Protein backbone atom coordinates (compact mmCIF):
# COMPACT_ATOMS: atom_id res chain seq x y z
CA MET A 1 -0.21 -0.51 -0.02
CA SER A 2 2.88 2.27 0.87
CA ARG A 3 4.23 1.92 -2.50
CA ALA A 4 1.18 2.30 -4.18
CA LEU A 5 0.47 5.85 -2.55
CA GLY A 6 4.05 6.71 -2.55
CA VAL A 7 4.88 7.31 1.12
CA THR A 8 7.06 5.47 3.42
CA ALA A 9 5.54 2.22 5.35
CA ALA A 10 6.39 4.37 8.39
CA THR A 11 4.24 7.29 7.32
CA LEU A 12 1.45 4.95 6.58
CA THR A 13 1.88 3.32 9.99
CA ALA A 14 1.65 6.51 11.65
CA TRP A 15 -1.47 7.38 9.86
CA ARG A 16 -3.08 3.78 10.91
CA ASP A 17 -1.87 4.49 14.57
CA ALA A 18 -3.39 7.87 14.69
CA PHE A 19 -6.81 6.91 13.54
CA LEU A 20 -6.81 3.81 15.87
CA ALA A 21 -5.88 5.88 18.96
CA ALA A 22 -8.65 8.46 17.92
CA GLY A 23 -10.84 5.47 17.64
CA GLU A 24 -10.07 4.13 21.06
CA ALA A 25 -10.49 7.69 22.61
CA GLY A 26 -13.64 7.85 21.13
CA LEU A 27 -14.79 4.69 22.76
CA ALA A 28 -13.76 5.57 26.39
CA SER A 29 -16.82 7.82 27.17
CA ARG A 30 -20.29 7.68 25.92
CA PRO A 31 -21.91 11.03 25.01
CA ALA A 32 -25.35 11.70 27.19
CA ASP A 33 -27.73 12.81 24.63
CA GLY A 34 -28.73 12.86 20.86
CA GLU A 35 -26.99 16.03 20.34
CA GLU A 36 -23.57 14.87 21.86
CA LEU A 37 -23.89 11.60 19.83
CA GLU A 38 -24.39 13.45 16.50
CA SER A 39 -21.47 15.73 17.36
CA GLU A 40 -19.26 12.91 18.00
CA ARG A 41 -20.35 10.72 14.91
CA LEU A 42 -19.45 14.03 12.82
CA LYS A 43 -16.16 14.43 14.16
CA ALA A 44 -15.36 10.70 13.77
CA ARG A 45 -16.92 11.24 9.76
CA LEU A 46 -14.52 14.34 9.60
CA GLY A 47 -11.44 12.21 10.90
CA GLU A 48 -12.12 9.63 8.22
CA MET A 49 -12.47 11.96 5.54
CA LEU A 50 -9.46 13.98 6.38
CA LEU A 51 -7.32 10.89 6.39
CA GLU A 52 -8.94 9.85 3.26
CA ARG A 53 -7.81 13.29 1.73
CA GLU A 54 -4.21 12.87 2.98
CA LEU A 55 -4.05 9.45 1.49
CA LEU A 56 -5.44 11.02 -1.95
CA GLU A 57 -3.09 14.06 -1.96
CA ALA A 58 -0.32 11.80 -1.55
CA LYS A 59 -1.41 9.49 -4.28
CA ILE A 60 -1.83 12.37 -6.52
CA ALA A 61 1.37 13.86 -5.59
CA ALA A 62 3.01 10.15 -6.69
CA LEU A 63 1.19 9.86 -9.86
CA GLU A 64 2.06 13.65 -10.74
CA GLY A 65 5.78 12.79 -10.16
CA GLY A 66 6.58 15.95 -8.68
CA ARG A 67 4.78 17.72 -11.67
CA PRO A 68 1.81 19.52 -10.21
CA LEU A 69 -1.19 19.66 -12.63
CA ALA A 70 1.01 18.04 -15.19
CA ARG A 71 -0.39 19.23 -18.60
CA ARG A 72 -1.55 16.70 -21.18
CA ARG A 73 -0.87 16.99 -24.65
CA PRO A 74 -4.05 18.09 -26.74
CA ARG A 75 -5.73 15.38 -28.31
CA PRO A 76 -5.81 15.62 -32.51
C-alpha cells in the first residue's frame, strides 16, 4: 500500500496508529444525549475524510511525479 501511495511504510503506520488511537479515545466515554452523539459521529466522519484526503493527496503527488497539474498533450 505504501508503494501505491508513494509514501514510506512508517508514514502509513503513523496514519493508521493515529486513526486507531482516535477511535479508542472515542470509545472511552459515551455522550449522554442525542446532540452529543451526533457531534461525535460527525467528528469521527470528519477524521475519516481528512485521512482519506491525505492519502489521496499523497497518491496524486506520486502520480504527478513532482509535476503539479501536469499538462497533457491536446488530442488531435
